[in-house]
Amino acid sequence: MEVLLAEALEANRQLSELAGGLAEENARLRARDAERDAELERMRAELAVLQRMLFGRSSEKTRPEAPGGGGTAGDGGPAGGGDDGGTSKGVKRGPGARAGRRDYSRLPGVEVTWDFPGGGYCCPECGEPFSPLGSHASGEQLDWQVTVRVVAHCRRRYKRTCDCRVPATVMAPGPPKAIGKGLFSNAFIAMLLTERFAAGRSMNSLVTGLSRQGAEISAATLAGTCGQAAGLLEPLAGAIAERNRDSWHLHADETTWRVFAPGDGGGPAKWWLWVFTAPRGAVSYRPRSGQGWEEVSPDLMAYSGPKG
């Protein structure tokens, strides 16, 4: 009996030691798993950063699925079934992949119907005309049209029909004009200033582009219009300069500017054109002669818009 008790006690001791060892091993494994989980999260974060650096953000949206969940080889979808099973989840991205088209549904649309010359279609054998069968939408395209037109403004006139002591005839007011009796409409002037200064097109480029539309306008006329519109930009130029002066940080640089007859017309001289760029995207230009800062027309001094 004593032998059996001693054996049981020894077995109990061994089991206790084994349980203690297993508990220590379990704690060590749990600690190692926690370290590996933390390392995995760190690697995932680094991988996400590297993927963004390599592939960047997609600038185009994936085009909608074709009916039936399939696509064709011509439109970038899986031809005859692909690895993604006809869904958009398995679309290949990154180098070598083709992005979908952008969404242009925000643009105004127009429907154009095409027909055979003369309208309708006849049987090439007996000449019997075919009956209409509706139309087929064969796709959409982006169309770019630039039109320079002559707008005739007609002001309605009215005459008095009562006996009141008021003017006998009246005439409706005409369109607002930024430049008195100028040749160009307000929309034309706005487009001219936008193309010239925001888009950075040269005057010769504008003259060539207008002439292709049938509008033969000289560079001197366009330059004179910009000069006349300069007064309208003075408040904007002042606001841009004031905004730059209030910025906490300012970049400035200068370049040589040759002026033919500065001030009293003493002949060619070397000026400097300074540019001041603020962190908030406002840019102002300021010319400086040998005698000091000069005030010139605002169309040469300021432009406000996004950089980059």
C-alpha atoms as a PDB file:
ATOM      1  CA  MET A   1       0.000   0.000   0.000  1.00  0.00           C
ATOM      2  CA  GLU A   2       2.793   2.387   0.846  1.00  0.00           C
ATOM      3  CA  VAL A   3       4.493   1.586  -2.461  1.00  0.00           C
ATOM      4  CA  LEU A   4       1.361   2.473  -4.430  1.00  0.00           C
ATOM      5  CA  LEU A   5       1.002   5.724  -2.489  1.00  0.00           C
ATOM      6  CA  ALA A   6       4.625   6.642  -3.154  1.00  0.00           C
ATOM      7  CA  GLU A   7       4.195   5.923  -6.864  1.00  0.00           C
ATOM      8  CA  ALA A   8       1.037   8.046  -6.988  1.00  0.00           C
ATOM      9  CA  LEU A   9       2.794  10.918  -5.250  1.00  0.00           C
ATOM     10  CA  GLU A  10       5.727  10.660  -7.674  1.00  0.00           C
ATOM     11  CA  ALA A  11       3.377  10.615 -10.647  1.00  0.00           C
ATOM     12  CA  ASN A  12       1.537  13.644  -9.258  1.00  0.00           C
ATOM     13  CA  ARG A  13       4.832  15.481  -8.828  1.00  0.00           C
ATOM     14  CA  GLN A  14       5.862  14.701 -12.411  1.00  0.00           C
ATOM     15  CA  LEU A  15       2.500  15.846 -13.726  1.00  0.00           C
ATOM     16  CA  SER A  16       2.796  19.077 -11.751  1.00  0.00           C
ATOM     17  CA  GLU A  17       6.268  19.699 -13.209  1.00  0.00           C
ATOM     18  CA  LEU A  18       4.947  18.925 -16.693  1.00  0.00           C
ATOM     19  CA  ALA A  19       2.007  21.293 -16.209  1.00  0.00           C
ATOM     20  CA  GLY A  20       4.343  24.003 -15.008  1.00  0.00           C
ATOM     21  CA  GLY A  21       6.618  23.510 -18.005  1.00  0.00           C
ATOM     22  CA  LEU A  22       3.675  23.581 -20.392  1.00  0.00           C
ATOM     23  CA  ALA A  23       2.391  26.773 -18.791  1.00  0.00           C
ATOM     24  CA  GLU A  24       5.786  28.408 -19.246  1.00  0.00           C
ATOM     25  CA  GLU A  25       5.930  27.192 -22.860  1.00  0.00           C
ATOM     26  CA  ASN A  26       2.409  28.513 -23.469  1.00  0.00           C
ATOM     27  CA  ALA A  27       3.344  31.929 -22.078  1.00  0.00           C
ATOM     28  CA  ARG A  28       6.483  32.019 -24.225  1.00  0.00           C
ATOM     29  CA  LEU A  29       4.507  31.091 -27.367  1.00  0.00           C
ATOM     30  CA  ARG A  30       1.890  33.735 -26.608  1.00  0.00           C
ATOM     31  CA  ALA A  31       4.587  36.374 -26.248  1.00  0.00           C
ATOM     32  CA  ARG A  32       6.185  35.276 -29.521  1.00  0.00           C
ATOM     33  CA  ASP A  33       2.798  35.392 -31.300  1.00  0.00           C
ATOM     34  CA  ALA A  34       2.218  38.904 -29.999  1.00  0.00           C
ATOM     35  CA  GLU A  35       5.625  40.008 -31.317  1.00  0.00           C
ATOM     36  CA  ARG A  36       4.928  38.421 -34.691  1.00  0.00           C
ATOM     37  CA  ASP A  37       1.514  40.105 -34.889  1.00  0.00           C
ATOM     38  CA  ALA A  38       3.113  43.466 -34.182  1.00  0.00           C
ATOM     39  CA  GLU A  39       5.791  42.787 -36.813  1.00  0.00           C
ATOM     40  CA  LEU A  40       3.117  41.749 -39.323  1.00  0.00           C
ATOM     41  CA  GLU A  41       1.165  44.964 -38.771  1.00  0.00           C
ATOM     42  CA  ARG A  42       4.334  46.997 -39.250  1.00  0.00           C
ATOM     43  CA  MET A  43       5.166  45.148 -42.483  1.00  0.00           C
ATOM     44  CA  ARG A  44       1.632  45.675 -43.764  1.00  0.00           C
ATOM     45  CA  ALA A  45       1.883  49.404 -43.114  1.00  0.00           C
ATOM     46  CA  GLU A  46       5.243  49.587 -44.911  1.00  0.00           C
ATOM     47  CA  LEU A  47       3.834  47.557 -47.826  1.00  0.00           C
ATOM     48  CA  ALA A  48       0.890  49.933 -48.162  1.00  0.00           C
ATOM     49  CA  VAL A  49       3.261  52.916 -48.274  1.00  0.00           C
ATOM     50  CA  LEU A  50       5.477  51.248 -50.883  1.00  0.00           C
ATOM     51  CA  GLN A  51       2.459  50.328 -53.016  1.00  0.00           C
ATOM     52  CA  ARG A  52       1.248  53.929 -52.991  1.00  0.00           C
ATOM     53  CA  MET A  53       4.747  55.098 -53.935  1.00  0.00           C
ATOM     54  CA  LEU A  54       4.945  52.591 -56.798  1.00  0.00           C
ATOM     55  CA  PHE A  55       1.431  52.655 -58.222  1.00  0.00           C
ATOM     56  CA  GLY A  56       0.115  55.985 -56.951  1.00  0.00           C
ATOM     57  CA  ARG A  57      -3.551  56.824 -56.856  1.00  0.00           C
ATOM     58  CA  SER A  58      -5.676  55.827 -59.833  1.00  0.00           C
ATOM     59  CA  SER A  59      -6.680  58.914 -61.800  1.00  0.00           C
ATOM     60  CA  GLU A  60      -9.375  57.099 -63.730  1.00  0.00           C
ATOM     61  CA  LYS A  61     -12.404  55.148 -62.641  1.00  0.00           C
ATOM     62  CA  THR A  62     -12.981  51.574 -63.728  1.00  0.00           C
ATOM     63  CA  ARG A  63     -15.480  51.542 -66.540  1.00  0.00           C
ATOM     64  CA  PRO A  64     -18.879  49.949 -65.816  1.00  0.00           C
ATOM     65  CA  GLU A  65     -19.387  46.270 -66.414  1.00  0.00           C
ATOM     66  CA  ALA A  66     -20.915  45.167 -69.678  1.00  0.00           C
ATOM     67  CA  PRO A  67     -24.346  43.494 -69.463  1.00  0.00           C
ATOM     68  CA  GLY A  68     -23.981  39.891 -68.399  1.00  0.00           C
ATOM     69  CA  GLY A  69     -20.937  40.551 -66.259  1.00  0.00           C
ATOM     70  CA  GLY A  70     -18.498  40.066 -69.119  1.00  0.00           C
ATOM     71  CA  GLY A  71     -16.361  42.281 -71.305  1.00  0.00           C
ATOM     72  CA  THR A  72     -14.369  42.169 -74.467  1.00  0.00           C
ATOM     73  CA  ALA A  73     -10.707  42.312 -75.162  1.00  0.00           C
ATOM     74  CA  GLY A  74     -11.182  45.651 -76.860  1.00  0.00           C
ATOM     75  CA  ASP A  75     -12.520  47.451 -73.823  1.00  0.00           C
ATOM     76  CA  GLY A  76     -10.080  46.207 -71.250  1.00  0.00           C
ATOM     77  CA  GLY A  77     -12.465  43.657 -69.693  1.00  0.00           C
ATOM     78  CA  PRO A  78     -11.964  39.900 -69.471  1.00  0.00           C
ATOM     79  CA  ALA A  79     -12.365  38.346 -72.890  1.00  0.00           C
ATOM     80  CA  GLY A  80     -14.105  34.995 -72.845  1.00  0.00           C
ATOM     81  CA  GLY A  81     -13.999  34.851 -69.067  1.00  0.00           C
ATOM     82  CA  GLY A  82     -11.004  35.670 -66.937  1.00  0.00           C
ATOM     83  CA  ASP A  83      -9.453  34.988 -63.603  1.00  0.00           C
ATOM     84  CA  ASP A  84     -11.860  37.388 -61.958  1.00  0.00           C
ATOM     85  CA  GLY A  85     -14.902  35.395 -62.998  1.00  0.00           C
ATOM     86  CA  GLY A  86     -16.524  38.368 -64.753  1.00  0.00           C
ATOM     87  CA  THR A  87     -16.439  40.666 -61.731  1.00  0.00           C
ATOM     88  CA  SER A  88     -14.475  43.834 -61.123  1.00  0.00           C
ATOM     89  CA  LYS A  89     -12.761  42.554 -57.958  1.00  0.00           C
ATOM     90  CA  GLY A  90     -10.038  40.744 -59.872  1.00  0.00           C
ATOM     91  CA  VAL A  91      -9.150  43.570 -62.266  1.00  0.00           C
ATOM     92  CA  LYS A  92      -5.417  43.816 -62.703  1.00  0.00           C
ATOM     93  CA  ARG A  93      -3.916  47.058 -61.399  1.00  0.00           C
ATOM     94  CA  GLY A  94      -0.464  48.545 -61.476  1.00  0.00           C
ATOM     95  CA  PRO A  95       2.203  48.498 -64.219  1.00  0.00           C
ATOM     96  CA  GLY A  96       0.949  46.867 -67.410  1.00  0.00           C
ATOM     97  CA  ALA A  97      -2.723  47.104 -66.436  1.00  0.00           C
ATOM     98  CA  ARG A  98      -5.200  49.209 -68.339  1.00  0.00           C
ATOM     99  CA  ALA A  99      -7.271  51.719 -66.407  1.00  0.00           C
ATOM    100  CA  GLY A 100     -10.925  52.362 -67.236  1.00  0.00           C
ATOM    101  CA  ARG A 101     -12.215  55.469 -68.920  1.00  0.00           C
ATOM    102  CA  ARG A 102     -13.086  58.574 -66.971  1.00  0.00           C
ATOM    103  CA  ASP A 103     -16.662  59.556 -66.321  1.00  0.00           C
ATOM    104  CA  TYR A 104     -17.780  62.395 -68.614  1.00  0.00           C
ATOM    105  CA  SER A 105     -21.471  62.263 -67.751  1.00  0.00           C
ATOM    106  CA  ARG A 106     -21.206  65.798 -66.300  1.00  0.00           C
ATOM    107  CA  LEU A 107     -20.608  67.243 -69.792  1.00  0.00           C
ATOM    108  CA  PRO A 108     -23.557  68.433 -71.885  1.00  0.00           C
ATOM    109  CA  GLY A 109     -24.673  65.861 -74.427  1.00  0.00           C
ATOM    110  CA  VAL A 110     -26.259  65.998 -77.866  1.00  0.00           C
ATOM    111  CA  GLU A 111     -27.737  63.184 -79.935  1.00  0.00           C
ATOM    112  CA  VAL A 112     -26.820  62.967 -83.623  1.00  0.00           C
ATOM    113  CA  THR A 113     -28.787  60.662 -85.954  1.00  0.00           C
ATOM    114  CA  TRP A 114     -27.058  59.211 -89.003  1.00  0.00           C
ATOM    115  CA  ASP A 115     -28.953  58.010 -92.071  1.00  0.00           C
ATOM    116  CA  PHE A 116     -28.163  56.865 -95.579  1.00  0.00           C
ATOM    117  CA  PRO A 117     -27.649  59.560 -98.237  1.00  0.00           C
ATOM    118  CA  GLY A 118     -31.061  60.777 -99.306  1.00  0.00           C
ATOM    119  CA  GLY A 119     -32.742  59.168 -96.304  1.00  0.00           C
ATOM    120  CA  GLY A 120     -33.975  55.584 -96.075  1.00  0.00           C
ATOM    121  CA  TYR A 121     -32.665  52.456 -97.726  1.00  0.00           C
ATOM    122  CA  CYS A 122     -33.926  50.425-100.673  1.00  0.00           C
ATOM    123  CA  CYS A 123     -33.426  46.818-101.651  1.00  0.00           C
ATOM    124  CA  PRO A 124     -30.450  46.631-104.004  1.00  0.00           C
ATOM    125  CA  GLU A 125     -32.294  43.948-106.087  1.00  0.00           C
ATOM    126  CA  CYS A 126     -35.891  45.195-106.542  1.00  0.00           C
ATOM    127  CA  GLY A 127     -35.652  48.745-105.208  1.00  0.00           C
ATOM    128  CA  GLU A 128     -38.383  48.237-102.611  1.00  0.00           C
ATOM    129  CA  PRO A 129     -37.764  50.634 -99.682  1.00  0.00           C
ATOM    130  CA  PHE A 130     -36.981  49.135 -96.309  1.00  0.00           C
ATOM    131  CA  SER A 131     -39.279  50.007 -93.394  1.00  0.00           C
ATOM    132  CA  PRO A 132     -37.847  51.892 -90.402  1.00  0.00           C
ATOM    133  CA  LEU A 133     -36.594  49.695 -87.561  1.00  0.00           C
ATOM    134  CA  GLY A 134     -35.598  52.279 -84.962  1.00  0.00           C
ATOM    135  CA  SER A 135     -32.025  53.327 -84.343  1.00  0.00           C
ATOM    136  CA  HIS A 136     -28.866  51.800 -82.916  1.00  0.00           C
ATOM    137  CA  ALA A 137     -26.595  53.573 -80.406  1.00  0.00           C
ATOM    138  CA  SER A 138     -23.109  52.878 -81.707  1.00  0.00           C
ATOM    139  CA  GLY A 139     -21.135  54.625 -78.974  1.00  0.00           C
ATOM    140  CA  GLU A 140     -20.178  58.019 -77.600  1.00  0.00           C
ATOM    141  CA  GLN A 141     -17.315  60.357 -78.478  1.00  0.00           C
ATOM    142  CA  LEU A 142     -16.002  63.605 -77.051  1.00  0.00           C
ATOM    143  CA  ASP A 143     -16.490  66.495 -79.476  1.00  0.00           C
ATOM    144  CA  TRP A 144     -14.466  69.709 -79.250  1.00  0.00           C
ATOM    145  CA  GLN A 145     -15.865  72.809 -80.941  1.00  0.00           C
ATOM    146  CA  VAL A 146     -14.529  76.365 -80.783  1.00  0.00           C
ATOM    147  CA  THR A 147     -16.789  78.961 -82.354  1.00  0.00           C
ATOM    148  CA  VAL A 148     -16.175  82.675 -82.837  1.00  0.00           C
ATOM    149  CA  ARG A 149     -19.476  84.303 -83.747  1.00  0.00           C
ATOM    150  CA  VAL A 150     -20.901  87.764 -84.338  1.00  0.00           C
ATOM    151  CA  VAL A 151     -23.674  88.613 -81.896  1.00  0.00           C
ATOM    152  CA  ALA A 152     -26.193  91.225 -83.064  1.00  0.00           C
ATOM    153  CA  HIS A 153     -27.855  92.921 -80.078  1.00  0.00           C
ATOM    154  CA  CYS A 154     -31.404  94.049 -80.833  1.00  0.00           C
ATOM    155  CA  ARG A 155     -32.998  96.301 -78.216  1.00  0.00           C
ATOM    156  CA  ARG A 156     -36.777  96.225 -78.157  1.00  0.00           C
ATOM    157  CA  ARG A 157     -38.661  99.525 -78.298  1.00  0.00           C
ATOM    158  CA  TYR A 158     -42.068 100.337 -76.878  1.00  0.00           C
ATOM    159  CA  LYS A 159     -44.418 103.268 -77.335  1.00  0.00           C
ATOM    160  CA  ARG A 160     -46.861 104.758 -74.926  1.00  0.00           C
ATOM    161  CA  THR A 161     -50.538 103.832 -75.297  1.00  0.00           C
ATOM    162  CA  CYS A 162     -51.846 105.884 -72.392  1.00  0.00           C
ATOM    163  CA  ASP A 163     -52.237 109.625 -71.820  1.00  0.00           C
ATOM    164  CA  CYS A 164     -49.840 109.794 -68.878  1.00  0.00           C
ATOM    165  CA  ARG A 165     -47.112 112.401 -68.934  1.00  0.00           C
ATOM    166  CA  VAL A 166     -44.201 110.003 -69.458  1.00  0.00           C
ATOM    167  CA  PRO A 167     -41.791 109.530 -72.375  1.00  0.00           C
ATOM    168  CA  ALA A 168     -43.654 108.470 -75.505  1.00  0.00           C
ATOM    169  CA  THR A 169     -41.175 105.736 -76.388  1.00  0.00           C
ATOM    170  CA  VAL A 170     -38.769 103.632 -74.397  1.00  0.00           C
ATOM    171  CA  MET A 171     -36.034 101.191 -75.363  1.00  0.00           C
ATOM    172  CA  ALA A 172     -34.748  98.207 -73.390  1.00  0.00           C
ATOM    173  CA  PRO A 173     -31.205  98.503 -72.017  1.00  0.00           C
ATOM    174  CA  GLY A 174     -28.467  96.817 -73.996  1.00  0.00           C
ATOM    175  CA  PRO A 175     -25.895  94.284 -72.845  1.00  0.00           C
ATOM    176  CA  PRO A 176     -23.389  95.316 -70.158  1.00  0.00           C
ATOM    177  CA  LYS A 177     -20.000  96.243 -71.585  1.00  0.00           C
ATOM    178  CA  ALA A 178     -16.713  96.053 -69.743  1.00  0.00           C
ATOM    179  CA  ILE A 179     -15.044  98.255 -72.362  1.00  0.00           C
ATOM    180  CA  GLY A 180     -17.281 101.091 -73.565  1.00  0.00           C
ATOM    181  CA  LYS A 181     -17.736 100.795 -77.336  1.00  0.00           C
ATOM    182  CA  GLY A 182     -15.248  97.978 -77.713  1.00  0.00           C
ATOM    183  CA  LEU A 183     -15.437  95.307 -80.375  1.00  0.00           C
ATOM    184  CA  PHE A 184     -15.463  92.339 -77.997  1.00  0.00           C
ATOM    185  CA  SER A 185     -18.129  91.042 -75.641  1.00  0.00           C
ATOM    186  CA  ASN A 186     -17.504  90.522 -71.929  1.00  0.00           C
ATOM    187  CA  ALA A 187     -17.273  86.754 -72.470  1.00  0.00           C
ATOM    188  CA  PHE A 188     -14.680  87.292 -75.222  1.00  0.00           C
ATOM    189  CA  ILE A 189     -12.586  89.543 -72.954  1.00  0.00           C
ATOM    190  CA  ALA A 190     -12.794  87.044 -70.099  1.00  0.00           C
ATOM    191  CA  MET A 191     -11.684  84.212 -72.402  1.00  0.00           C
ATOM    192  CA  LEU A 192      -8.884  86.381 -73.804  1.00  0.00           C
ATOM    193  CA  LEU A 193      -7.501  87.174 -70.339  1.00  0.00           C
ATOM    194  CA  THR A 194      -7.844  83.553 -69.231  1.00  0.00           C
ATOM    195  CA  GLU A 195      -6.027  82.170 -72.270  1.00  0.00           C
ATOM    196  CA  ARG A 196      -3.394  84.906 -72.234  1.00  0.00           C
ATOM    197  CA  PHE A 197      -2.451  84.932 -68.548  1.00  0.00           C
ATOM    198  CA  ALA A 198      -3.922  81.826 -66.857  1.00  0.00           C
ATOM    199  CA  ALA A 199      -3.112  79.390 -69.693  1.00  0.00           C
ATOM    200  CA  GLY A 200       0.052  81.302 -70.672  1.00  0.00           C
ATOM    201  CA  ARG A 201      -0.659  81.497 -74.411  1.00  0.00           C
ATOM    202  CA  SER A 202       1.320  84.007 -76.417  1.00  0.00           C
ATOM    203  CA  MET A 203      -0.387  86.752 -78.387  1.00  0.00           C
ATOM    204  CA  ASN A 204       0.741  85.184 -81.669  1.00  0.00           C
ATOM    205  CA  SER A 205      -0.799  81.874 -80.617  1.00  0.00           C
ATOM    206  CA  LEU A 206      -4.116  83.591 -79.893  1.00  0.00           C
ATOM    207  CA  VAL A 207      -4.048  85.408 -83.236  1.00  0.00           C
ATOM    208  CA  THR A 208      -3.356  82.137 -85.074  1.00  0.00           C
ATOM    209  CA  GLY A 209      -6.087  80.285 -83.206  1.00  0.00           C
ATOM    210  CA  LEU A 210      -8.674  82.981 -83.903  1.00  0.00           C
ATOM    211  CA  SER A 211      -7.723  83.153 -87.583  1.00  0.00           C
ATOM    212  CA  ARG A 212      -8.374  79.410 -87.914  1.00  0.00           C
ATOM    213  CA  GLN A 213     -11.956  80.166 -86.838  1.00  0.00           C
ATOM    214  CA  GLY A 214     -12.261  82.888 -89.481  1.00  0.00           C
ATOM    215  CA  ALA A 215     -11.696  85.808 -87.117  1.00  0.00           C
ATOM    216  CA  GLU A 216      -8.776  87.854 -88.451  1.00  0.00           C
ATOM    217  CA  ILE A 217      -7.842  89.965 -85.430  1.00  0.00           C
ATOM    218  CA  SER A 218      -4.499  91.710 -85.106  1.00  0.00           C
ATOM    219  CA  ALA A 219      -2.200  91.255 -82.151  1.00  0.00           C
ATOM    220  CA  ALA A 220      -2.299  95.024 -81.558  1.00  0.00           C
ATOM    221  CA  THR A 221      -6.100  94.913 -81.139  1.00  0.00           C
ATOM    222  CA  LEU A 222      -5.868  92.082 -78.615  1.00  0.00           C
ATOM    223  CA  ALA A 223      -3.047  93.829 -76.737  1.00  0.00           C
ATOM    224  CA  GLY A 224      -5.076  97.045 -76.632  1.00  0.00           C
ATOM    225  CA  THR A 225      -8.041  95.143 -75.231  1.00  0.00           C
ATOM    226  CA  CYS A 226      -5.848  93.662 -72.476  1.00  0.00           C
ATOM    227  CA  GLY A 227      -4.581  97.159 -71.674  1.00  0.00           C
ATOM    228  CA  GLN A 228      -8.120  98.569 -71.476  1.00  0.00           C
ATOM    229  CA  ALA A 229      -9.235  95.692 -69.259  1.00  0.00           C
ATOM    230  CA  ALA A 230      -6.287  96.264 -66.936  1.00  0.00           C
ATOM    231  CA  GLY A 231      -8.241  98.768 -64.897  1.00  0.00           C
ATOM    232  CA  LEU A 232     -10.832  96.097 -64.129  1.00  0.00           C
ATOM    233  CA  LEU A 233      -8.100  93.916 -62.641  1.00  0.00           C
ATOM    234  CA  GLU A 234      -6.662  96.533 -60.283  1.00  0.00           C
ATOM    235  CA  PRO A 235      -8.805  95.449 -57.290  1.00  0.00           C
ATOM    236  CA  LEU A 236      -7.865  91.815 -57.923  1.00  0.00           C
ATOM    237  CA  ALA A 237      -4.161  92.645 -58.204  1.00  0.00           C
ATOM    238  CA  GLY A 238      -4.300  94.657 -54.991  1.00  0.00           C
ATOM    239  CA  ALA A 239      -6.070  91.834 -53.166  1.00  0.00           C
ATOM    240  CA  ILE A 240      -3.468  89.311 -54.330  1.00  0.00           C
ATOM    241  CA  ALA A 241      -0.584  91.539 -53.262  1.00  0.00           C
ATOM    242  CA  GLU A 242      -2.230  92.137 -49.882  1.00  0.00           C
ATOM    243  CA  ARG A 243      -2.763  88.415 -49.403  1.00  0.00           C
ATOM    244  CA  ASN A 244       0.891  87.749 -50.168  1.00  0.00           C
ATOM    245  CA  ARG A 245       2.036  90.384 -47.693  1.00  0.00           C
ATOM    246  CA  ASP A 246       0.005  88.693 -44.956  1.00  0.00           C
ATOM    247  CA  SER A 247       1.520  85.246 -45.638  1.00  0.00           C
ATOM    248  CA  TRP A 248       3.756  83.675 -43.028  1.00  0.00           C
ATOM    249  CA  HIS A 249       6.200  82.514 -45.716  1.00  0.00           C
ATOM    250  CA  LEU A 250       6.998  83.985 -49.125  1.00  0.00           C
ATOM    251  CA  HIS A 251       9.153  82.876 -52.049  1.00  0.00           C
ATOM    252  CA  ALA A 252      10.656  85.565 -54.281  1.00  0.00           C
ATOM    253  CA  ASP A 253      12.810  85.543 -57.392  1.00  0.00           C
ATOM    254  CA  GLU A 254      13.720  87.961 -60.167  1.00  0.00           C
ATOM    255  CA  THR A 255      14.696  87.918 -63.823  1.00  0.00           C
ATOM    256  CA  THR A 256      16.032  90.542 -66.212  1.00  0.00           C
ATOM    257  CA  TRP A 257      13.380  92.531 -68.075  1.00  0.00           C
ATOM    258  CA  ARG A 258      14.432  94.684 -71.027  1.00  0.00           C
ATOM    259  CA  VAL A 259      12.247  97.815 -71.350  1.00  0.00           C
ATOM    260  CA  PHE A 260      12.433  99.937 -74.496  1.00  0.00           C
ATOM    261  CA  ALA A 261      11.439 103.387 -73.172  1.00  0.00           C
ATOM    262  CA  PRO A 262      10.971 103.578 -69.421  1.00  0.00           C
ATOM    263  CA  GLY A 263       9.863 106.735 -67.651  1.00  0.00           C
ATOM    264  CA  ASP A 264      10.839 109.764 -69.704  1.00  0.00           C
ATOM    265  CA  GLY A 265      11.702 107.735 -72.819  1.00  0.00           C
ATOM    266  CA  GLY A 266      15.437 107.695 -72.343  1.00  0.00           C
ATOM    267  CA  GLY A 267      15.912 104.561 -74.459  1.00  0.00           C
ATOM    268  CA  PRO A 268      16.321 100.867 -73.685  1.00  0.00           C
ATOM    269  CA  ALA A 269      17.010 100.000 -70.096  1.00  0.00           C
ATOM    270  CA  LYS A 270      17.397  96.922 -67.944  1.00  0.00           C
ATOM    271  CA  TRP A 271      14.655  96.329 -65.436  1.00  0.00           C
ATOM    272  CA  TRP A 272      13.946  93.361 -63.193  1.00  0.00           C
ATOM    273  CA  LEU A 273      10.674  91.473 -62.897  1.00  0.00           C
ATOM    274  CA  TRP A 274      10.133  90.041 -59.441  1.00  0.00           C
ATOM    275  CA  VAL A 275       7.714  87.225 -58.647  1.00  0.00           C
ATOM    276  CA  PHE A 276       6.321  86.617 -55.153  1.00  0.00           C
ATOM    277  CA  THR A 277       4.702  83.241 -54.400  1.00  0.00           C
ATOM    278  CA  ALA A 278       2.757  82.592 -51.219  1.00  0.00           C
ATOM    279  CA  PRO A 279       2.060  79.153 -49.707  1.00  0.00           C
ATOM    280  CA  ARG A 280      -1.664  79.551 -50.359  1.00  0.00           C
ATOM    281  CA  GLY A 281      -1.208  79.645 -54.132  1.00  0.00           C
ATOM    282  CA  ALA A 282      -1.311  83.403 -54.813  1.00  0.00           C
ATOM    283  CA  VAL A 283       1.340  84.774 -57.183  1.00  0.00           C
ATOM    284  CA  SER A 284       2.123  88.431 -57.801  1.00  0.00           C
ATOM    285  CA  TYR A 285       4.592  90.103 -60.166  1.00  0.00           C
ATOM    286  CA  ARG A 286       6.308  93.417 -59.571  1.00  0.00           C
ATOM    287  CA  PRO A 287       8.704  95.212 -61.963  1.00  0.00           C
ATOM    288  CA  ARG A 288      11.634  97.207 -60.611  1.00  0.00           C
ATOM    289  CA  SER A 289      13.779  99.683 -62.490  1.00  0.00           C
ATOM    290  CA  GLY A 290      17.124 101.111 -61.538  1.00  0.00           C
ATOM    291  CA  GLN A 291      15.365 103.952 -59.694  1.00  0.00           C
ATOM    292  CA  GLY A 292      12.941 101.789 -57.700  1.00  0.00           C
ATOM    293  CA  TRP A 293       9.641  99.978 -57.899  1.00  0.00           C
ATOM    294  CA  GLU A 294       7.398 100.928 -60.796  1.00  0.00           C
ATOM    295  CA  GLU A 295       3.633 100.792 -60.962  1.00  0.00           C
ATOM    296  CA  VAL A 296       2.390  99.165 -64.158  1.00  0.00           C
ATOM    297  CA  SER A 297      -0.903  97.755 -65.358  1.00  0.00           C
ATOM    298  CA  PRO A 298      -2.262  94.984 -63.137  1.00  0.00           C
ATOM    299  CA  ASP A 299      -2.504  92.527 -66.047  1.00  0.00           C
ATOM    300  CA  LEU A 300       1.298  92.361 -65.973  1.00  0.00           C
ATOM    301  CA  MET A 301       1.560  92.186 -62.196  1.00  0.00           C
ATOM    302  CA  ALA A 302      -0.759  89.607 -60.705  1.00  0.00           C
ATOM    303  CA  TYR A 303      -2.335  86.243 -61.250  1.00  0.00           C
ATOM    304  CA  SER A 304      -4.075  84.117 -58.676  1.00  0.00           C
ATOM    305  CA  GLY A 305      -4.563  80.392 -59.181  1.00  0.00           C
ATOM    306  CA  PRO A 306      -3.399  76.898 -58.222  1.00  0.00           C
ATOM    307  CA  LYS A 307       0.230  76.087 -58.702  1.00  0.00           C
ATOM    308  CA  GLY A 308       1.628  72.825 -60.065  1.00  0.00           C
END
